Amino acid sequence: MPYLKIKTNHPLNAAQAEQLLERASARIADALSKPERYVMVDYSVNPQLLFSGTPAPCAYVELKSIGLPASQTRDLSEKICALLGTELGIAADRIYIEFTDVPRKFWGWNGSTF
């Protein structure tokens, strides 16, 4: 049920993108103590993404999950920024992250909801 969406203006080749997705999936599962089989990660490139008036590498990230505790968002922000710093070379001050705690009844899967 965790969904991590990474939108950036910094392109990766296919192998790098696969590595980012795999590492992000494992880290989000671990950080949220959720089974990785439910984690979905999306990486997309938008060359027109601009932050702070400059096209330097940046990212907009969304993390949505059922039961996402507000008390964990600071730690999650640190972990996500570290991951994107390592994998994409994006500075933490060029990353926005939106956290959403989704009610179970608003998260569908396998023909039902959680």
PDB file of N, CA and C in Angstrom:
ATOM      1  N   MET A   1       0.780  -1.204   0.000  1.00  0.00           N
ATOM      2  CA  MET A   1       0.000   0.000   0.000  1.00  0.00           C
ATOM      3  C   MET A   1       0.826   1.276   0.000  1.00  0.00           C
ATOM      4  N   PRO A   2       2.085   1.273   0.423  1.00  0.00           N
ATOM      5  CA  PRO A   2       2.871   2.490   0.253  1.00  0.00           C
ATOM      6  C   PRO A   2       3.138   2.752  -1.231  1.00  0.00           C
ATOM      7  N   TYR A   3       3.002   3.996  -1.621  1.00  0.00           N
ATOM      8  CA  TYR A   3       3.265   4.421  -2.991  1.00  0.00           C
ATOM      9  C   TYR A   3       4.229   5.588  -2.946  1.00  0.00           C
ATOM     10  N   LEU A   4       5.385   5.405  -3.563  1.00  0.00           N
ATOM     11  CA  LEU A   4       6.406   6.445  -3.638  1.00  0.00           C
ATOM     12  C   LEU A   4       6.511   6.890  -5.082  1.00  0.00           C
ATOM     13  N   LYS A   5       6.208   8.156  -5.333  1.00  0.00           N
ATOM     14  CA  LYS A   5       6.272   8.719  -6.679  1.00  0.00           C
ATOM     15  C   LYS A   5       7.402   9.737  -6.717  1.00  0.00           C
ATOM     16  N   ILE A   6       8.371   9.488  -7.586  1.00  0.00           N
ATOM     17  CA  ILE A   6       9.531  10.367  -7.734  1.00  0.00           C
ATOM     18  C   ILE A   6       9.465  11.016  -9.100  1.00  0.00           C
ATOM     19  N   LYS A   7       9.304  12.322  -9.120  1.00  0.00           N
ATOM     20  CA  LYS A   7       9.322  13.076 -10.377  1.00  0.00           C
ATOM     21  C   LYS A   7      10.538  13.987 -10.324  1.00  0.00           C
ATOM     22  N   THR A   8      11.353  13.931 -11.365  1.00  0.00           N
ATOM     23  CA  THR A   8      12.590  14.701 -11.384  1.00  0.00           C
ATOM     24  C   THR A   8      12.905  15.196 -12.794  1.00  0.00           C
ATOM     25  N   ASN A   9      13.786  16.147 -12.871  1.00  0.00           N
ATOM     26  CA  ASN A   9      14.265  16.611 -14.169  1.00  0.00           C
ATOM     27  C   ASN A   9      15.626  15.991 -14.502  1.00  0.00           C
ATOM     28  N   HIS A  10      16.026  15.010 -13.696  1.00  0.00           N
ATOM     29  CA  HIS A  10      17.334  14.367 -13.842  1.00  0.00           C
ATOM     30  C   HIS A  10      17.151  12.952 -14.401  1.00  0.00           C
ATOM     31  N   PRO A  11      17.425  12.741 -15.681  1.00  0.00           N
ATOM     32  CA  PRO A  11      17.219  11.423 -16.278  1.00  0.00           C
ATOM     33  C   PRO A  11      18.288  10.404 -15.877  1.00  0.00           C
ATOM     34  N   LEU A  12      17.871   9.166 -15.848  1.00  0.00           N
ATOM     35  CA  LEU A  12      18.775   8.032 -15.596  1.00  0.00           C
ATOM     36  C   LEU A  12      18.688   7.079 -16.772  1.00  0.00           C
ATOM     37  N   ASN A  13      19.740   6.292 -16.967  1.00  0.00           N
ATOM     38  CA  ASN A  13      19.630   5.237 -17.978  1.00  0.00           C
ATOM     39  C   ASN A  13      18.804   4.097 -17.371  1.00  0.00           C
ATOM     40  N   ALA A  14      18.453   3.110 -18.171  1.00  0.00           N
ATOM     41  CA  ALA A  14      17.564   2.035 -17.724  1.00  0.00           C
ATOM     42  C   ALA A  14      18.097   1.286 -16.504  1.00  0.00           C
ATOM     43  N   ALA A  15      19.377   0.972 -16.493  1.00  0.00           N
ATOM     44  CA  ALA A  15      19.968   0.239 -15.365  1.00  0.00           C
ATOM     45  C   ALA A  15      19.947   1.075 -14.091  1.00  0.00           C
ATOM     46  N   GLN A  16      20.263   2.358 -14.208  1.00  0.00           N
ATOM     47  CA  GLN A  16      20.240   3.247 -13.043  1.00  0.00           C
ATOM     48  C   GLN A  16      18.813   3.404 -12.506  1.00  0.00           C
ATOM     49  N   ALA A  17      17.856   3.524 -13.412  1.00  0.00           N
ATOM     50  CA  ALA A  17      16.456   3.671 -12.996  1.00  0.00           C
ATOM     51  C   ALA A  17      15.983   2.421 -12.258  1.00  0.00           C
ATOM     52  N   GLU A  18      16.335   1.252 -12.770  1.00  0.00           N
ATOM     53  CA  GLU A  18      15.959   0.000 -12.114  1.00  0.00           C
ATOM     54  C   GLU A  18      16.578  -0.090 -10.714  1.00  0.00           C
ATOM     55  N   GLN A  19      17.828   0.317 -10.603  1.00  0.00           N
ATOM     56  CA  GLN A  19      18.504   0.312  -9.298  1.00  0.00           C
ATOM     57  C   GLN A  19      17.820   1.264  -8.320  1.00  0.00           C
ATOM     58  N   LEU A  20      17.465   2.454  -8.785  1.00  0.00           N
ATOM     59  CA  LEU A  20      16.748   3.416  -7.942  1.00  0.00           C
ATOM     60  C   LEU A  20      15.431   2.834  -7.460  1.00  0.00           C
ATOM     61  N   LEU A  21      14.657   2.255  -8.362  1.00  0.00           N
ATOM     62  CA  LEU A  21      13.362   1.685  -7.996  1.00  0.00           C
ATOM     63  C   LEU A  21      13.511   0.564  -6.967  1.00  0.00           C
ATOM     64  N   GLU A  22      14.471  -0.324  -7.182  1.00  0.00           N
ATOM     65  CA  GLU A  22      14.678  -1.434  -6.256  1.00  0.00           C
ATOM     66  C   GLU A  22      15.111  -0.945  -4.875  1.00  0.00           C
ATOM     67  N   ARG A  23      16.035  -0.013  -4.839  1.00  0.00           N
ATOM     68  CA  ARG A  23      16.510   0.502  -3.555  1.00  0.00           C
ATOM     69  C   ARG A  23      15.421   1.298  -2.839  1.00  0.00           C
ATOM     70  N   ALA A  24      14.683   2.092  -3.583  1.00  0.00           N
ATOM     71  CA  ALA A  24      13.607   2.870  -2.979  1.00  0.00           C
ATOM     72  C   ALA A  24      12.533   1.954  -2.402  1.00  0.00           C
ATOM     73  N   SER A  25      12.173   0.919  -3.121  1.00  0.00           N
ATOM     74  CA  SER A  25      11.160  -0.025  -2.655  1.00  0.00           C
ATOM     75  C   SER A  25      11.573  -0.675  -1.341  1.00  0.00           C
ATOM     76  N   ALA A  26      12.797  -1.167  -1.301  1.00  0.00           N
ATOM     77  CA  ALA A  26      13.299  -1.828  -0.088  1.00  0.00           C
ATOM     78  C   ALA A  26      13.366  -0.858   1.089  1.00  0.00           C
ATOM     79  N   ARG A  27      13.833   0.355   0.853  1.00  0.00           N
ATOM     80  CA  ARG A  27      13.982   1.327   1.940  1.00  0.00           C
ATOM     81  C   ARG A  27      12.640   1.806   2.476  1.00  0.00           C
ATOM     82  N   ILE A  28      11.674   2.003   1.599  1.00  0.00           N
ATOM     83  CA  ILE A  28      10.354   2.439   2.058  1.00  0.00           C
ATOM     84  C   ILE A  28       9.683   1.320   2.844  1.00  0.00           C
ATOM     85  N   ALA A  29       9.779   0.098   2.359  1.00  0.00           N
ATOM     86  CA  ALA A  29       9.215  -1.036   3.091  1.00  0.00           C
ATOM     87  C   ALA A  29       9.823  -1.127   4.482  1.00  0.00           C
ATOM     88  N   ASP A  30      11.126  -1.014   4.557  1.00  0.00           N
ATOM     89  CA  ASP A  30      11.823  -1.084   5.841  1.00  0.00           C
ATOM     90  C   ASP A  30      11.440   0.084   6.753  1.00  0.00           C
ATOM     91  N   ALA A  31      11.445   1.290   6.208  1.00  0.00           N
ATOM     92  CA  ALA A  31      11.165   2.476   7.020  1.00  0.00           C
ATOM     93  C   ALA A  31       9.742   2.474   7.569  1.00  0.00           C
ATOM     94  N   LEU A  32       8.801   1.913   6.807  1.00  0.00           N
ATOM     95  CA  LEU A  32       7.400   1.885   7.244  1.00  0.00           C
ATOM     96  C   LEU A  32       7.000   0.561   7.886  1.00  0.00           C
ATOM     97  N   SER A  33       7.929  -0.382   7.946  1.00  0.00           N
ATOM     98  CA  SER A  33       7.642  -1.727   8.479  1.00  0.00           C
ATOM     99  C   SER A  33       6.440  -2.355   7.774  1.00  0.00           C
ATOM    100  N   LYS A  34       6.467  -2.235   6.438  1.00  0.00           N
ATOM    101  CA  LYS A  34       5.393  -2.804   5.613  1.00  0.00           C
ATOM    102  C   LYS A  34       6.018  -3.860   4.701  1.00  0.00           C
ATOM    103  N   PRO A  35       5.249  -4.878   4.323  1.00  0.00           N
ATOM    104  CA  PRO A  35       5.783  -5.880   3.401  1.00  0.00           C
ATOM    105  C   PRO A  35       6.105  -5.239   2.052  1.00  0.00           C
ATOM    106  N   GLU A  36       7.273  -5.536   1.520  1.00  0.00           N
ATOM    107  CA  GLU A  36       7.667  -4.940   0.248  1.00  0.00           C
ATOM    108  C   GLU A  36       6.738  -5.358  -0.887  1.00  0.00           C
ATOM    109  N   ARG A  37       6.067  -6.468  -0.742  1.00  0.00           N
ATOM    110  CA  ARG A  37       5.161  -6.913  -1.809  1.00  0.00           C
ATOM    111  C   ARG A  37       4.028  -5.931  -2.056  1.00  0.00           C
ATOM    112  N   TYR A  38       3.775  -5.018  -1.112  1.00  0.00           N
ATOM    113  CA  TYR A  38       2.732  -4.009  -1.281  1.00  0.00           C
ATOM    114  C   TYR A  38       3.270  -2.648  -1.717  1.00  0.00           C
ATOM    115  N   VAL A  39       4.575  -2.485  -1.776  1.00  0.00           N
ATOM    116  CA  VAL A  39       5.177  -1.185  -2.096  1.00  0.00           C
ATOM    117  C   VAL A  39       5.216  -0.974  -3.610  1.00  0.00           C
ATOM    118  N   MET A  40       4.794   0.214  -4.037  1.00  0.00           N
ATOM    119  CA  MET A  40       4.882   0.600  -5.444  1.00  0.00           C
ATOM    120  C   MET A  40       5.744   1.859  -5.535  1.00  0.00           C
ATOM    121  N   VAL A  41       6.678   1.856  -6.491  1.00  0.00           N
ATOM    122  CA  VAL A  41       7.553   3.007  -6.688  1.00  0.00           C
ATOM    123  C   VAL A  41       7.475   3.432  -8.148  1.00  0.00           C
ATOM    124  N   ASP A  42       7.349   4.721  -8.355  1.00  0.00           N
ATOM    125  CA  ASP A  42       7.240   5.297  -9.689  1.00  0.00           C
ATOM    126  C   ASP A  42       8.346   6.331  -9.858  1.00  0.00           C
ATOM    127  N   TYR A  43       9.085   6.214 -10.950  1.00  0.00           N
ATOM    128  CA  TYR A  43      10.128   7.188 -11.287  1.00  0.00           C
ATOM    129  C   TYR A  43       9.785   7.770 -12.645  1.00  0.00           C
ATOM    130  N   SER A  44       9.658   9.075 -12.727  1.00  0.00           N
ATOM    131  CA  SER A  44       9.388   9.700 -14.010  1.00  0.00           C
ATOM    132  C   SER A  44      10.236  10.961 -14.154  1.00  0.00           C
ATOM    133  N   VAL A  45      10.519  11.279 -15.415  1.00  0.00           N
ATOM    134  CA  VAL A  45      11.354  12.439 -15.722  1.00  0.00           C
ATOM    135  C   VAL A  45      10.509  13.492 -16.429  1.00  0.00           C
ATOM    136  N   ASN A  46      10.617  14.717 -15.940  1.00  0.00           N
ATOM    137  CA  ASN A  46       9.995  15.863 -16.570  1.00  0.00           C
ATOM    138  C   ASN A  46      11.094  16.903 -16.764  1.00  0.00           C
ATOM    139  N   PRO A  47      11.630  17.006 -17.981  1.00  0.00           N
ATOM    140  CA  PRO A  47      12.734  17.945 -18.213  1.00  0.00           C
ATOM    141  C   PRO A  47      12.358  19.397 -17.927  1.00  0.00           C
ATOM    142  N   GLN A  48      11.065  19.702 -17.915  1.00  0.00           N
ATOM    143  CA  GLN A  48      10.625  21.071 -17.672  1.00  0.00           C
ATOM    144  C   GLN A  48      10.441  21.379 -16.183  1.00  0.00           C
ATOM    145  N   LEU A  49      10.782  20.475 -15.297  1.00  0.00           N
ATOM    146  CA  LEU A  49      10.650  20.721 -13.863  1.00  0.00           C
ATOM    147  C   LEU A  49      11.651  21.788 -13.437  1.00  0.00           C
ATOM    148  N   LEU A  50      11.147  22.820 -12.781  1.00  0.00           N
ATOM    149  CA  LEU A  50      11.964  23.961 -12.364  1.00  0.00           C
ATOM    150  C   LEU A  50      11.746  24.174 -10.872  1.00  0.00           C
ATOM    151  N   PHE A  51      12.799  24.440 -10.138  1.00  0.00           N
ATOM    152  CA  PHE A  51      12.683  24.681  -8.704  1.00  0.00           C
ATOM    153  C   PHE A  51      13.557  25.870  -8.342  1.00  0.00           C
ATOM    154  N   SER A  52      13.003  26.791  -7.595  1.00  0.00           N
ATOM    155  CA  SER A  52      13.740  27.967  -7.134  1.00  0.00           C
ATOM    156  C   SER A  52      14.304  28.789  -8.302  1.00  0.00           C
ATOM    157  N   GLY A  53      13.549  28.786  -9.410  1.00  0.00           N
ATOM    158  CA  GLY A  53      13.941  29.591 -10.553  1.00  0.00           C
ATOM    159  C   GLY A  53      15.067  29.054 -11.396  1.00  0.00           C
ATOM    160  N   THR A  54      15.463  27.805 -11.150  1.00  0.00           N
ATOM    161  CA  THR A  54      16.579  27.226 -11.897  1.00  0.00           C
ATOM    162  C   THR A  54      16.264  25.784 -12.310  1.00  0.00           C
ATOM    163  N   PRO A  55      16.762  25.357 -13.478  1.00  0.00           N
ATOM    164  CA  PRO A  55      16.536  23.982 -13.923  1.00  0.00           C
ATOM    165  C   PRO A  55      17.567  22.981 -13.391  1.00  0.00           C
ATOM    166  N   ALA A  56      18.352  23.359 -12.394  1.00  0.00           N
ATOM    167  CA  ALA A  56      19.317  22.427 -11.793  1.00  0.00           C
ATOM    168  C   ALA A  56      18.546  21.189 -11.291  1.00  0.00           C
ATOM    169  N   PRO A  57      19.226  20.040 -11.153  1.00  0.00           N
ATOM    170  CA  PRO A  57      18.542  18.830 -10.718  1.00  0.00           C
ATOM    171  C   PRO A  57      17.686  19.052  -9.466  1.00  0.00           C
ATOM    172  N   CYS A  58      16.438  18.581  -9.567  1.00  0.00           N
ATOM    173  CA  CYS A  58      15.489  18.715  -8.463  1.00  0.00           C
ATOM    174  C   CYS A  58      14.496  17.560  -8.534  1.00  0.00           C
ATOM    175  N   ALA A  59      13.680  17.429  -7.488  1.00  0.00           N
ATOM    176  CA  ALA A  59      12.690  16.352  -7.469  1.00  0.00           C
ATOM    177  C   ALA A  59      11.475  16.758  -6.648  1.00  0.00           C
ATOM    178  N   TYR A  60      10.341  16.246  -7.079  1.00  0.00           N
ATOM    179  CA  TYR A  60       9.096  16.336  -6.315  1.00  0.00           C
ATOM    180  C   TYR A  60       8.698  14.901  -6.018  1.00  0.00           C
ATOM    181  N   VAL A  61       8.485  14.600  -4.755  1.00  0.00           N
ATOM    182  CA  VAL A  61       8.232  13.233  -4.317  1.00  0.00           C
ATOM    183  C   VAL A  61       6.918  13.182  -3.546  1.00  0.00           C
ATOM    184  N   GLU A  62       6.149  12.130  -3.788  1.00  0.00           N
ATOM    185  CA  GLU A  62       4.938  11.879  -3.015  1.00  0.00           C
ATOM    186  C   GLU A  62       5.090  10.524  -2.343  1.00  0.00           C
ATOM    187  N   LEU A  63       4.796  10.473  -1.062  1.00  0.00           N
ATOM    188  CA  LEU A  63       4.741   9.204  -0.342  1.00  0.00           C
ATOM    189  C   LEU A  63       3.363   9.090   0.267  1.00  0.00           C
ATOM    190  N   LYS A  64       2.619   8.096  -0.191  1.00  0.00           N
ATOM    191  CA  LYS A  64       1.273   7.847   0.308  1.00  0.00           C
ATOM    192  C   LYS A  64       1.244   6.456   0.914  1.00  0.00           C
ATOM    193  N   SER A  65       0.559   6.336   2.036  1.00  0.00           N
ATOM    194  CA  SER A  65       0.460   5.029   2.669  1.00  0.00           C
ATOM    195  C   SER A  65      -0.674   5.027   3.675  1.00  0.00           C
ATOM    196  N   ILE A  66      -1.212   3.867   3.901  1.00  0.00           N
ATOM    197  CA  ILE A  66      -2.185   3.684   4.973  1.00  0.00           C
ATOM    198  C   ILE A  66      -1.424   3.698   6.290  1.00  0.00           C
ATOM    199  N   GLY A  67      -1.907   4.479   7.240  1.00  0.00           N
ATOM    200  CA  GLY A  67      -1.278   4.516   8.557  1.00  0.00           C
ATOM    201  C   GLY A  67       0.077   5.194   8.566  1.00  0.00           C
ATOM    202  N   LEU A  68       0.268   6.195   7.726  1.00  0.00           N
ATOM    203  CA  LEU A  68       1.537   6.928   7.693  1.00  0.00           C
ATOM    204  C   LEU A  68       1.574   7.869   8.897  1.00  0.00           C
ATOM    205  N   PRO A  69       2.391   7.570   9.889  1.00  0.00           N
ATOM    206  CA  PRO A  69       2.406   8.394  11.099  1.00  0.00           C
ATOM    207  C   PRO A  69       3.137   9.718  10.893  1.00  0.00           C
ATOM    208  N   ALA A  70       2.492  10.801  11.297  1.00  0.00           N
ATOM    209  CA  ALA A  70       3.098  12.128  11.204  1.00  0.00           C
ATOM    210  C   ALA A  70       4.424  12.176  11.954  1.00  0.00           C
ATOM    211  N   SER A  71       4.549  11.391  13.000  1.00  0.00           N
ATOM    212  CA  SER A  71       5.779  11.383  13.790  1.00  0.00           C
ATOM    213  C   SER A  71       6.979  10.830  13.006  1.00  0.00           C
ATOM    214  N   GLN A  72       6.738  10.151  11.901  1.00  0.00           N
ATOM    215  CA  GLN A  72       7.825   9.565  11.114  1.00  0.00           C
ATOM    216  C   GLN A  72       8.219  10.405   9.895  1.00  0.00           C
ATOM    217  N   THR A  73       7.490  11.472   9.600  1.00  0.00           N
ATOM    218  CA  THR A  73       7.752  12.189   8.351  1.00  0.00           C
ATOM    219  C   THR A  73       9.133  12.832   8.315  1.00  0.00           C
ATOM    220  N   ARG A  74       9.627  13.322   9.423  1.00  0.00           N
ATOM    221  CA  ARG A  74      10.964  13.922   9.432  1.00  0.00           C
ATOM    222  C   ARG A  74      12.023  12.864   9.093  1.00  0.00           C
ATOM    223  N   ASP A  75      11.924  11.692   9.706  1.00  0.00           N
ATOM    224  CA  ASP A  75      12.868  10.604   9.438  1.00  0.00           C
ATOM    225  C   ASP A  75      12.736  10.114   7.994  1.00  0.00           C
ATOM    226  N   LEU A  76      11.496   9.999   7.514  1.00  0.00           N
ATOM    227  CA  LEU A  76      11.277   9.581   6.130  1.00  0.00           C
ATOM    228  C   LEU A  76      11.842  10.597   5.150  1.00  0.00           C
ATOM    229  N   SER A  77      11.674  11.881   5.463  1.00  0.00           N
ATOM    230  CA  SER A  77      12.221  12.935   4.618  1.00  0.00           C
ATOM    231  C   SER A  77      13.737  12.796   4.520  1.00  0.00           C
ATOM    232  N   GLU A  78      14.371  12.565   5.648  1.00  0.00           N
ATOM    233  CA  GLU A  78      15.825  12.394   5.671  1.00  0.00           C
ATOM    234  C   GLU A  78      16.253  11.194   4.819  1.00  0.00           C
ATOM    235  N   LYS A  79      15.533  10.078   4.953  1.00  0.00           N
ATOM    236  CA  LYS A  79      15.885   8.865   4.214  1.00  0.00           C
ATOM    237  C   LYS A  79      15.654   9.023   2.715  1.00  0.00           C
ATOM    238  N   ILE A  80      14.557   9.655   2.349  1.00  0.00           N
ATOM    239  CA  ILE A  80      14.262   9.856   0.930  1.00  0.00           C
ATOM    240  C   ILE A  80      15.277  10.819   0.315  1.00  0.00           C
ATOM    241  N   CYS A  81      15.586  11.899   1.014  1.00  0.00           N
ATOM    242  CA  CYS A  81      16.583  12.851   0.501  1.00  0.00           C
ATOM    243  C   CYS A  81      17.954  12.197   0.367  1.00  0.00           C
ATOM    244  N   ALA A  82      18.323  11.362   1.315  1.00  0.00           N
ATOM    245  CA  ALA A  82      19.607  10.658   1.230  1.00  0.00           C
ATOM    246  C   ALA A  82      19.625   9.714   0.029  1.00  0.00           C
ATOM    247  N   LEU A  83      18.535   9.000  -0.185  1.00  0.00           N
ATOM    248  CA  LEU A  83      18.440   8.094  -1.328  1.00  0.00           C
ATOM    249  C   LEU A  83      18.573   8.856  -2.642  1.00  0.00           C
ATOM    250  N   LEU A  84      17.840   9.958  -2.784  1.00  0.00           N
ATOM    251  CA  LEU A  84      17.892  10.730  -4.024  1.00  0.00           C
ATOM    252  C   LEU A  84      19.228  11.439  -4.187  1.00  0.00           C
ATOM    253  N   GLY A  85      19.860  11.773  -3.089  1.00  0.00           N
ATOM    254  CA  GLY A  85      21.202  12.342  -3.157  1.00  0.00           C
ATOM    255  C   GLY A  85      22.190  11.334  -3.699  1.00  0.00           C
ATOM    256  N   THR A  86      22.116  10.108  -3.210  1.00  0.00           N
ATOM    257  CA  THR A  86      23.015   9.044  -3.640  1.00  0.00           C
ATOM    258  C   THR A  86      22.736   8.591  -5.072  1.00  0.00           C
ATOM    259  N   GLU A  87      21.475   8.334  -5.375  1.00  0.00           N
ATOM    260  CA  GLU A  87      21.112   7.755  -6.665  1.00  0.00           C
ATOM    261  C   GLU A  87      21.023   8.773  -7.802  1.00  0.00           C
ATOM    262  N   LEU A  88      20.622  10.003  -7.468  1.00  0.00           N
ATOM    263  CA  LEU A  88      20.404  11.012  -8.507  1.00  0.00           C
ATOM    264  C   LEU A  88      21.325  12.224  -8.395  1.00  0.00           C
ATOM    265  N   GLY A  89      22.029  12.343  -7.282  1.00  0.00           N
ATOM    266  CA  GLY A  89      22.897  13.488  -7.084  1.00  0.00           C
ATOM    267  C   GLY A  89      22.141  14.785  -6.835  1.00  0.00           C
ATOM    268  N   ILE A  90      20.929  14.675  -6.307  1.00  0.00           N
ATOM    269  CA  ILE A  90      20.115  15.864  -6.045  1.00  0.00           C
ATOM    270  C   ILE A  90      20.296  16.284  -4.592  1.00  0.00           C
ATOM    271  N   ALA A  91      20.590  17.554  -4.395  1.00  0.00           N
ATOM    272  CA  ALA A  91      20.762  18.096  -3.046  1.00  0.00           C
ATOM    273  C   ALA A  91      19.424  18.102  -2.315  1.00  0.00           C
ATOM    274  N   ALA A  92      19.474  17.876  -1.012  1.00  0.00           N
ATOM    275  CA  ALA A  92      18.259  17.807  -0.199  1.00  0.00           C
ATOM    276  C   ALA A  92      17.438  19.084  -0.268  1.00  0.00           C
ATOM    277  N   ASP A  93      18.087  20.222  -0.454  1.00  0.00           N
ATOM    278  CA  ASP A  93      17.336  21.479  -0.522  1.00  0.00           C
ATOM    279  C   ASP A  93      16.726  21.732  -1.896  1.00  0.00           C
ATOM    280  N   ARG A  94      16.794  20.720  -2.775  1.00  0.00           N
ATOM    281  CA  ARG A  94      16.166  20.799  -4.094  1.00  0.00           C
ATOM    282  C   ARG A  94      15.104  19.708  -4.236  1.00  0.00           C
ATOM    283  N   ILE A  95      14.601  19.226  -3.096  1.00  0.00           N
ATOM    284  CA  ILE A  95      13.607  18.148  -3.078  1.00  0.00           C
ATOM    285  C   ILE A  95      12.417  18.576  -2.215  1.00  0.00           C
ATOM    286  N   TYR A  96      11.235  18.487  -2.784  1.00  0.00           N
ATOM    287  CA  TYR A  96       9.997  18.640  -2.011  1.00  0.00           C
ATOM    288  C   TYR A  96       9.385  17.255  -1.862  1.00  0.00           C
ATOM    289  N   ILE A  97       8.834  16.979  -0.676  1.00  0.00           N
ATOM    290  CA  ILE A  97       8.187  15.695  -0.420  1.00  0.00           C
ATOM    291  C   ILE A  97       6.805  15.961   0.167  1.00  0.00           C
ATOM    292  N   GLU A  98       5.811  15.339  -0.420  1.00  0.00           N
ATOM    293  CA  GLU A  98       4.437  15.428   0.086  1.00  0.00           C
ATOM    294  C   GLU A  98       4.077  14.079   0.714  1.00  0.00           C
ATOM    295  N   PHE A  99       3.686  14.108   1.976  1.00  0.00           N
ATOM    296  CA  PHE A  99       3.287  12.896   2.693  1.00  0.00           C
ATOM    297  C   PHE A  99       1.771  12.857   2.818  1.00  0.00           C
ATOM    298  N   THR A 100       1.185  11.686   2.558  1.00  0.00           N
ATOM    299  CA  THR A 100      -0.260  11.532   2.682  1.00  0.00           C
ATOM    300  C   THR A 100      -0.579  10.234   3.404  1.00  0.00           C
ATOM    301  N   ASP A 101      -1.340  10.356   4.482  1.00  0.00           N
ATOM    302  CA  ASP A 101      -1.859   9.199   5.202  1.00  0.00           C
ATOM    303  C   ASP A 101      -3.239   8.912   4.613  1.00  0.00           C
ATOM    304  N   VAL A 102      -3.367   7.792   3.924  1.00  0.00           N
ATOM    305  CA  VAL A 102      -4.600   7.467   3.220  1.00  0.00           C
ATOM    306  C   VAL A 102      -5.468   6.547   4.080  1.00  0.00           C
ATOM    307  N   PRO A 103      -6.723   6.905   4.302  1.00  0.00           N
ATOM    308  CA  PRO A 103      -7.624   6.002   5.031  1.00  0.00           C
ATOM    309  C   PRO A 103      -7.791   4.684   4.273  1.00  0.00           C
ATOM    310  N   ARG A 104      -7.887   3.588   5.005  1.00  0.00           N
ATOM    311  CA  ARG A 104      -7.998   2.256   4.407  1.00  0.00           C
ATOM    312  C   ARG A 104      -9.098   2.167   3.351  1.00  0.00           C
ATOM    313  N   LYS A 105     -10.224   2.781   3.627  1.00  0.00           N
ATOM    314  CA  LYS A 105     -11.362   2.678   2.706  1.00  0.00           C
ATOM    315  C   LYS A 105     -11.124   3.429   1.398  1.00  0.00           C
ATOM    316  N   PHE A 106     -10.072   4.242   1.326  1.00  0.00           N
ATOM    317  CA  PHE A 106      -9.740   4.963   0.108  1.00  0.00           C
ATOM    318  C   PHE A 106      -8.530   4.384  -0.614  1.00  0.00           C
ATOM    319  N   TRP A 107      -8.147   3.147  -0.273  1.00  0.00           N
ATOM    320  CA  TRP A 107      -7.023   2.497  -0.930  1.00  0.00           C
ATOM    321  C   TRP A 107      -7.499   1.141  -1.436  1.00  0.00           C
ATOM    322  N   GLY A 108      -7.660   1.048  -2.759  1.00  0.00           N
ATOM    323  CA  GLY A 108      -8.153  -0.200  -3.344  1.00  0.00           C
ATOM    324  C   GLY A 108      -7.029  -1.117  -3.777  1.00  0.00           C
ATOM    325  N   TRP A 109      -7.291  -2.402  -3.729  1.00  0.00           N
ATOM    326  CA  TRP A 109      -6.342  -3.422  -4.174  1.00  0.00           C
ATOM    327  C   TRP A 109      -7.068  -4.744  -4.319  1.00  0.00           C
ATOM    328  N   ASN A 110      -6.752  -5.458  -5.345  1.00  0.00           N
ATOM    329  CA  ASN A 110      -7.235  -6.820  -5.535  1.00  0.00           C
ATOM    330  C   ASN A 110      -8.760  -6.898  -5.521  1.00  0.00           C
ATOM    331  N   GLY A 111      -9.411  -5.901  -6.112  1.00  0.00           N
ATOM    332  CA  GLY A 111     -10.863  -5.900  -6.203  1.00  0.00           C
ATOM    333  C   GLY A 111     -11.585  -5.489  -4.945  1.00  0.00           C
ATOM    334  N   SER A 112     -10.849  -4.975  -3.959  1.00  0.00           N
ATOM    335  CA  SER A 112     -11.460  -4.565  -2.701  1.00  0.00           C
ATOM    336  C   SER A 112     -10.706  -3.347  -2.169  1.00  0.00           C
ATOM    337  N   THR A 113     -10.804  -3.095  -0.895  1.00  0.00           N
ATOM    338  CA  THR A 113     -10.015  -2.047  -0.228  1.00  0.00           C
ATOM    339  C   THR A 113      -9.339  -2.674   0.978  1.00  0.00           C
ATOM    340  N   PHE A 114      -8.393  -1.945   1.514  1.00  0.00           N
ATOM    341  CA  PHE A 114      -7.693  -2.448   2.699  1.00  0.00           C
ATOM    342  C   PHE A 114      -8.520  -2.209   3.928  1.00  0.00           C
TER     343      PHE A 114
END
